[in-house]
Protein backbone atom coordinates (compact mmCIF):
# COMPACT_ATOMS: atom_id res chain seq x y z
CA UNK A 1 110.47 -47.22 20.27
CA UNK A 2 109.53 -48.64 17.85
CA UNK A 3 106.25 -47.74 16.09
CA UNK A 4 103.50 -49.65 15.21
CA UNK A 5 102.65 -50.33 11.21
CA UNK A 6 99.46 -49.08 10.17
CA UNK A 7 96.21 -50.83 10.20
CA UNK A 8 94.65 -51.60 7.12
CA UNK A 9 90.96 -52.57 6.16
CA UNK A 10 91.30 -55.31 4.13
CA UNK A 11 88.00 -56.42 1.79
CA UNK A 12 86.61 -59.14 2.63
CA UNK A 13 87.43 -61.49 -0.25
CA UNK A 14 83.80 -62.23 -2.66
CA UNK A 15 81.36 -64.27 -1.40
CA UNK A 16 82.20 -64.02 2.74
CA UNK A 17 79.69 -61.11 4.53
CA UNK A 18 80.71 -58.29 5.89
CA UNK A 19 81.96 -58.63 9.91
CA UNK A 20 79.42 -56.16 10.75
CA UNK A 21 76.89 -57.39 8.78
CA UNK A 22 74.93 -57.81 12.02
CA UNK A 23 75.19 -55.39 13.12
CA UNK A 24 73.27 -52.86 10.43
CA UNK A 25 70.88 -51.14 12.26
CA UNK A 26 73.59 -49.44 14.73
CA UNK A 27 75.87 -48.55 11.59
CA UNK A 28 72.89 -47.13 9.77
CA UNK A 29 72.11 -44.63 13.39
CA UNK A 30 75.57 -44.08 13.71
CA UNK A 31 76.08 -42.61 10.31
CA UNK A 32 72.67 -40.90 9.84
CA UNK A 33 72.43 -39.12 13.12
CA UNK A 34 69.71 -36.88 11.93
CA UNK A 35 66.25 -38.13 10.40
CA UNK A 36 66.15 -37.02 6.88
CA UNK A 37 62.14 -35.46 7.34
CA UNK A 38 64.00 -33.48 10.33
CA UNK A 39 66.34 -31.98 8.42
CA UNK A 40 64.36 -31.58 5.11
CA UNK A 41 62.32 -29.30 7.76
CA UNK A 42 65.36 -27.16 8.81
CA UNK A 43 66.23 -26.65 5.29
CA UNK A 44 62.80 -25.28 4.56
CA UNK A 45 62.71 -23.03 7.99
CA UNK A 46 66.45 -21.72 6.53
CA UNK A 47 65.14 -21.17 3.24
CA UNK A 48 62.05 -18.92 4.41
CA UNK A 49 64.12 -17.40 6.97
CA UNK A 50 66.30 -16.42 4.18
CA UNK A 51 63.64 -14.74 1.90
CA UNK A 52 61.12 -12.85 4.80
CA UNK A 53 59.06 -13.32 7.96
CA UNK A 54 57.09 -15.95 8.90
CA UNK A 55 53.74 -16.83 7.97
CA UNK A 56 52.24 -16.31 10.72
CA UNK A 57 54.10 -12.72 11.59
CA UNK A 58 52.95 -12.41 8.14
CA UNK A 59 48.99 -12.89 8.18
CA UNK A 60 49.27 -10.41 12.08
CA UNK A 61 50.69 -7.49 10.03
CA UNK A 62 47.69 -8.24 6.91
CA UNK A 63 45.01 -8.10 9.75
CA UNK A 64 46.87 -5.15 11.39
CA UNK A 65 46.86 -3.36 8.29
CA UNK A 66 42.93 -3.83 6.98
CA UNK A 67 42.04 -2.62 10.55
CA UNK A 68 43.72 0.68 10.34
CA UNK A 69 42.74 1.19 7.02
CA UNK A 70 39.05 0.55 7.88
CA UNK A 71 39.68 2.64 10.39
CA UNK A 72 40.71 5.02 8.42
CA UNK A 73 37.41 5.25 6.59
CA UNK A 74 34.63 5.38 9.36
CA UNK A 75 36.78 8.33 10.62
CA UNK A 76 36.71 10.20 7.10
CA UNK A 77 33.15 8.90 6.41
CA UNK A 78 32.09 10.67 9.87
CA UNK A 79 33.97 13.78 9.02
CA UNK A 80 32.34 13.99 5.89
CA UNK A 81 28.57 13.29 7.51
CA UNK A 82 29.70 16.34 10.39
CA UNK A 83 30.49 19.07 8.12
CA UNK A 84 27.61 18.04 5.54
CA UNK A 85 25.10 18.20 8.66
CA UNK A 86 24.34 21.89 9.11
CA UNK A 87 23.57 22.11 5.27
CA UNK A 88 21.43 19.31 5.64
CA UNK A 89 19.28 20.24 8.54
CA UNK A 90 18.86 23.87 6.93
CA UNK A 91 17.53 22.15 4.02
CA UNK A 92 14.73 20.32 5.83
CA UNK A 93 13.77 23.01 7.41
CA UNK A 94 12.95 24.97 4.36
CA UNK A 95 11.20 21.92 3.13
CA UNK A 96 9.32 22.01 6.21
CA UNK A 97 8.49 25.32 6.26
CA UNK A 98 7.12 24.81 2.59
CA UNK A 99 5.04 22.04 3.77
CA UNK A 100 3.11 23.59 6.59
CA UNK A 101 3.19 26.75 4.55
CA UNK A 102 1.74 24.71 1.42
CA UNK A 103 -1.17 23.08 3.45
CA UNK A 104 -2.23 25.52 5.18
CA UNK A 105 -2.30 27.49 1.83
CA UNK A 106 -4.66 24.44 0.61
CA UNK A 107 -6.29 24.27 3.81
CA UNK A 108 -7.56 27.74 3.57
CA UNK A 109 -9.02 27.32 -0.16
CA UNK A 110 -10.50 24.38 0.85
CA UNK A 111 -12.45 26.50 3.42
CA UNK A 112 -13.38 29.05 0.52
CA UNK A 113 -14.66 26.06 -1.50
CA UNK A 114 -16.89 24.62 0.77
CA UNK A 115 -18.04 28.66 1.92
CA UNK A 116 -19.01 29.27 -1.99
CA UNK A 117 -20.51 26.02 -2.23
CA UNK A 118 -22.80 26.07 0.69
CA UNK A 119 -23.44 30.29 -0.67
CA UNK A 120 -23.96 28.35 -4.13
CA UNK A 121 -26.71 25.37 -2.70
CA UNK A 122 -28.69 28.29 -0.49
CA UNK A 123 -29.01 30.39 -3.71
CA UNK A 124 -30.03 27.15 -5.72
CA UNK A 125 -32.47 25.82 -2.89
CA UNK A 126 -33.89 29.65 -3.14
CA UNK A 127 -34.60 29.55 -6.90
CA UNK A 128 -36.17 26.21 -6.40
CA UNK A 129 -38.74 27.06 -4.19
CA UNK A 130 -39.45 30.54 -5.94
CA UNK A 131 -39.52 29.75 -8.82
CA UNK A 132 -40.53 25.69 -8.68
CA UNK A 133 -43.84 26.16 -8.31
CA UNK A 134 -46.22 23.25 -7.69
CA UNK A 135 -43.50 20.70 -8.36
CA UNK A 136 -41.10 22.91 -6.05
CA UNK A 137 -40.86 20.37 -3.54
CA UNK A 138 -40.21 17.32 -6.42
CA UNK A 139 -37.44 18.63 -8.14
CA UNK A 140 -36.14 19.80 -5.10
CA UNK A 141 -36.16 15.72 -4.06
CA UNK A 142 -35.20 14.97 -7.45
CA UNK A 143 -32.40 17.02 -7.16
CA UNK A 144 -30.83 16.78 -3.39
CA UNK A 145 -31.77 20.01 -2.88
CA UNK A 146 -33.62 19.36 0.30
CA UNK A 147 -33.95 16.68 3.62
CA UNK A 148 -35.29 14.18 3.18
CA UNK A 149 -36.77 12.89 6.52
CA UNK A 150 -39.64 9.25 6.58
CA UNK A 151 -39.95 5.69 6.60
CA UNK A 152 -37.56 3.12 5.05
CA UNK A 153 -35.42 0.70 5.22
CA UNK A 154 -31.35 0.67 6.24
CA UNK A 155 -29.28 -1.66 3.83
CA UNK A 156 -25.64 -2.72 4.99
CA UNK A 157 -23.40 -4.26 2.84
CA UNK A 158 -19.83 -5.86 4.48
CA UNK A 159 -16.92 -7.20 3.17
CA UNK A 160 -16.62 -11.15 3.48
CA UNK A 161 -14.65 -12.10 6.44
CA UNK A 162 -11.48 -12.64 4.88
CA UNK A 163 -11.61 -10.64 1.94
CA UNK A 164 -8.67 -10.52 -0.59
CA UNK A 165 -7.09 -7.64 -2.13
CA UNK A 166 -8.15 -7.79 -5.93
CA UNK A 167 -4.20 -5.88 -6.87
CA UNK A 168 -6.22 -3.97 -9.97
CA UNK A 169 -6.59 -7.27 -11.81
CA UNK A 170 -9.56 -8.60 -13.91
CA UNK A 171 -11.98 -10.93 -11.93
CA UNK A 172 -12.85 -13.98 -13.20
CA UNK A 173 -16.49 -15.84 -12.70
CA UNK A 174 -20.26 -13.90 -13.94
CA UNK A 175 -19.37 -10.84 -13.01
CA UNK A 176 -19.35 -11.28 -9.14
CA UNK A 177 -16.97 -10.58 -6.28
CA UNK A 178 -14.99 -13.72 -6.52
CA UNK A 179 -12.38 -11.86 -3.81
CA UNK A 180 -15.12 -11.25 -1.27
CA UNK A 181 -15.05 -7.71 -1.72
CA UNK A 182 -18.09 -5.36 -2.20
CA UNK A 183 -17.35 -4.26 -5.57
CA UNK A 184 -18.65 -0.61 -7.34
CA UNK A 185 -20.94 -2.70 -10.00
CA UNK A 186 -22.41 -3.90 -6.68
CA UNK A 187 -23.48 -0.92 -5.09
CA UNK A 188 -24.51 0.09 -8.09
CA UNK A 189 -26.97 -3.18 -8.55
CA UNK A 190 -28.34 -2.39 -5.12
CA UNK A 191 -28.88 0.87 -5.33
CA UNK A 192 -30.54 1.00 -8.52
CA UNK A 193 -32.22 -2.35 -7.20
CA UNK A 194 -33.66 -0.04 -4.28
CA UNK A 195 -34.63 2.78 -6.89
CA UNK A 196 -36.65 0.07 -8.77
CA UNK A 197 -38.72 -1.22 -5.73
CA UNK A 198 -40.08 2.10 -5.10
CA UNK A 199 -37.15 4.48 -2.75
CA UNK A 200 -38.33 8.30 -2.62
CA UNK A 201 -34.84 9.00 -1.70
CA UNK A 202 -31.01 6.95 -1.31
CA UNK A 203 -28.02 8.07 0.83
CA UNK A 204 -24.36 5.87 0.85
CA UNK A 205 -22.86 6.39 4.23
CA UNK A 206 -24.12 9.62 4.51
CA UNK A 207 -23.73 10.74 0.68
CA UNK A 208 -27.21 11.97 -0.67
CA UNK A 209 -27.71 10.33 -4.38
CA UNK A 210 -29.72 11.99 -7.19
CA UNK A 211 -29.81 11.52 -11.04
CA UNK A 212 -26.70 12.82 -11.71
CA UNK A 213 -24.66 10.33 -9.13
CA UNK A 214 -21.94 7.90 -10.46
CA UNK A 215 -20.75 5.37 -8.47
CA UNK A 216 -16.60 4.72 -9.66
CA UNK A 217 -14.22 1.85 -8.07
CA UNK A 218 -10.65 3.84 -7.65
CA UNK A 219 -8.92 0.49 -6.74
CA UNK A 220 -10.06 -1.51 -3.87
CA UNK A 221 -12.30 2.02 -2.78
CA UNK A 222 -15.75 2.72 -3.77
CA UNK A 223 -16.45 6.15 -4.63
CA UNK A 224 -19.64 7.82 -4.62
CA UNK A 225 -19.37 11.60 -6.34
CA UNK A 226 -15.83 10.92 -6.70
CA UNK A 227 -15.45 10.48 -2.30
CA UNK A 228 -14.26 7.71 -1.17
CA UNK A 229 -16.43 5.41 0.89
CA UNK A 230 -14.88 2.30 3.56
CA UNK A 231 -17.00 -0.49 4.20
CA UNK A 232 -19.24 -1.64 5.71
CA UNK A 233 -21.43 0.35 3.39
CA UNK A 234 -24.66 1.96 4.68
CA UNK A 235 -27.64 2.19 1.95
CA UNK A 236 -30.32 4.55 3.74
CA UNK A 237 -33.55 4.44 1.01
CA UNK A 238 -36.39 6.58 2.24
CA UNK A 239 -40.07 4.98 1.49
CA UNK A 240 -42.52 3.10 2.21
CA UNK A 241 -40.26 0.28 4.41
CA UNK A 242 -42.19 -3.05 4.47
CA UNK A 243 -43.26 -2.47 1.16
CA UNK A 244 -39.99 -1.61 -0.15
CA UNK A 245 -38.14 -4.30 2.09
CA UNK A 246 -40.14 -7.39 0.52
CA UNK A 247 -40.17 -5.94 -3.67
CA UNK A 248 -36.44 -5.48 -3.00
CA UNK A 249 -35.71 -9.42 -1.59
CA UNK A 250 -38.11 -10.18 -4.26
CA UNK A 251 -36.18 -8.34 -7.63
CA UNK A 252 -33.03 -9.28 -9.94
CA UNK A 253 -30.61 -6.68 -8.31
CA UNK A 254 -32.20 -8.43 -4.94
CA UNK A 255 -31.09 -11.65 -5.95
CA UNK A 256 -27.72 -10.89 -6.86
CA UNK A 257 -27.12 -9.49 -3.82
CA UNK A 258 -28.51 -13.38 -2.33
CA UNK A 259 -25.94 -14.83 -4.87
CA UNK A 260 -23.28 -12.74 -3.44
CA UNK A 261 -23.92 -14.14 0.18
CA UNK A 262 -24.17 -17.36 0.00
CA UNK A 263 -21.41 -17.93 -2.88
CA UNK A 264 -18.72 -15.72 -2.00
CA UNK A 265 -19.03 -14.98 1.74
CA UNK A 266 -20.43 -10.86 1.01
CA UNK A 267 -21.87 -9.79 4.12
CA UNK A 268 -25.73 -7.63 4.03
CA UNK A 269 -28.44 -7.04 6.58
CA UNK A 270 -31.55 -5.34 5.94
CA UNK A 271 -33.53 -4.12 8.50
CA UNK A 272 -36.89 -1.75 7.73
CA UNK A 273 -36.83 1.89 9.80
CA UNK A 274 -39.79 3.78 11.24
CA UNK A 275 -37.49 7.11 10.70
CA UNK A 276 -34.48 8.14 8.62
CA UNK A 277 -33.25 11.16 7.25
CA UNK A 278 -31.06 12.24 4.71
CA UNK A 279 -29.02 14.79 4.46
CA UNK A 280 -28.53 17.12 1.52
CA UNK A 281 -26.33 16.26 -1.59
CA UNK A 282 -23.40 18.38 -1.27
CA UNK A 283 -23.46 20.03 -4.59
CA UNK A 284 -26.29 20.49 -6.91
CA UNK A 285 -25.60 20.93 -10.47
CA UNK A 286 -27.81 22.85 -12.84
CA UNK A 287 -27.27 22.06 -16.65
CA UNK A 288 -30.08 23.32 -17.59
CA UNK A 289 -32.19 26.37 -17.69
CA UNK A 290 -35.49 27.45 -19.06
CA UNK A 291 -37.70 31.16 -18.37
CA UNK A 292 -40.88 30.32 -16.58
CA UNK A 293 -43.98 31.94 -17.34
CA UNK A 294 -44.20 35.31 -15.85
CA UNK A 295 -40.84 36.31 -15.88
CA UNK A 296 -40.78 38.62 -18.79
CA UNK A 297 -39.94 41.89 -17.96
CA UNK A 298 -42.52 44.87 -19.30
CA UNK A 299 -40.28 45.15 -22.28
CA UNK A 300 -40.81 41.74 -23.54
CA UNK A 301 -37.21 40.01 -22.47
CA UNK A 302 -36.77 37.25 -20.62
CA UNK A 303 -35.22 38.17 -16.87
CA UNK A 304 -33.20 34.68 -17.17
CA UNK A 305 -34.72 33.45 -14.12
CA UNK A 306 -36.06 29.93 -13.36
CA UNK A 307 -34.27 26.95 -13.57
CA UNK A 308 -33.94 23.52 -14.13
CA UNK A 309 -31.89 19.93 -13.46
CA UNK A 310 -30.69 17.25 -15.65
């Protein structure tokens, strides 16, 4: 059988288009069966597979490792806390026992101090009555060594409704209570005004005042003889009630209190009482002692009996 000669493809002459030019799209699809983007993605996946694990799997493994580490830390902390718990409990019990013991000891000492103070007060009152002579009653009254009853006035002073804390800072203004709180200087002026108006005896919140009493401040608190008071402050003054109330209102200190009421919201009211009862001062301080007539013994030496208060 005779063989057919091979068919040769000859390039078209210059200037003439290719016979398949009208089928360029089909030719392109046949020549490039895969899109270039698909090919590039397939190449990247192949490279990642050769380099290591997929990214999603690596993220899951990292999260699992973090959870394991966190669980280990929590477990170790719980074990250490459980081991040290008995020691901490024992130390806490020892501290509680020490606090209770010291508190009981302090209470016993306070009771002893109160008993000694009462004993000293009784002795001082007996000495005033025995050696005070005609002035014994007056001396006892001024020293706060005796209880006082009688008519008088009751002055109640309180902070403003919306008083602000001082915070330890200085105040502005002409020496007034610009925060709406009653200050120690305010109470000093009130008490001094009552004394000048004719009060015979005064107490603040049941705390008897004497010639040696001091009204001071500690932060926002007012202290009378180093004992803190809380508002409202009730000032009881024994004397001629009507005359005492009128004299105080007309005094400079009474006008000062009126300014506090009108401008700073300080609340105050004064009332006349038919009967007031003022307690004995908590302690009677003796600053000086002088012998009195007839207190010398037969040998001419002084016995040292007799007391006086500065």
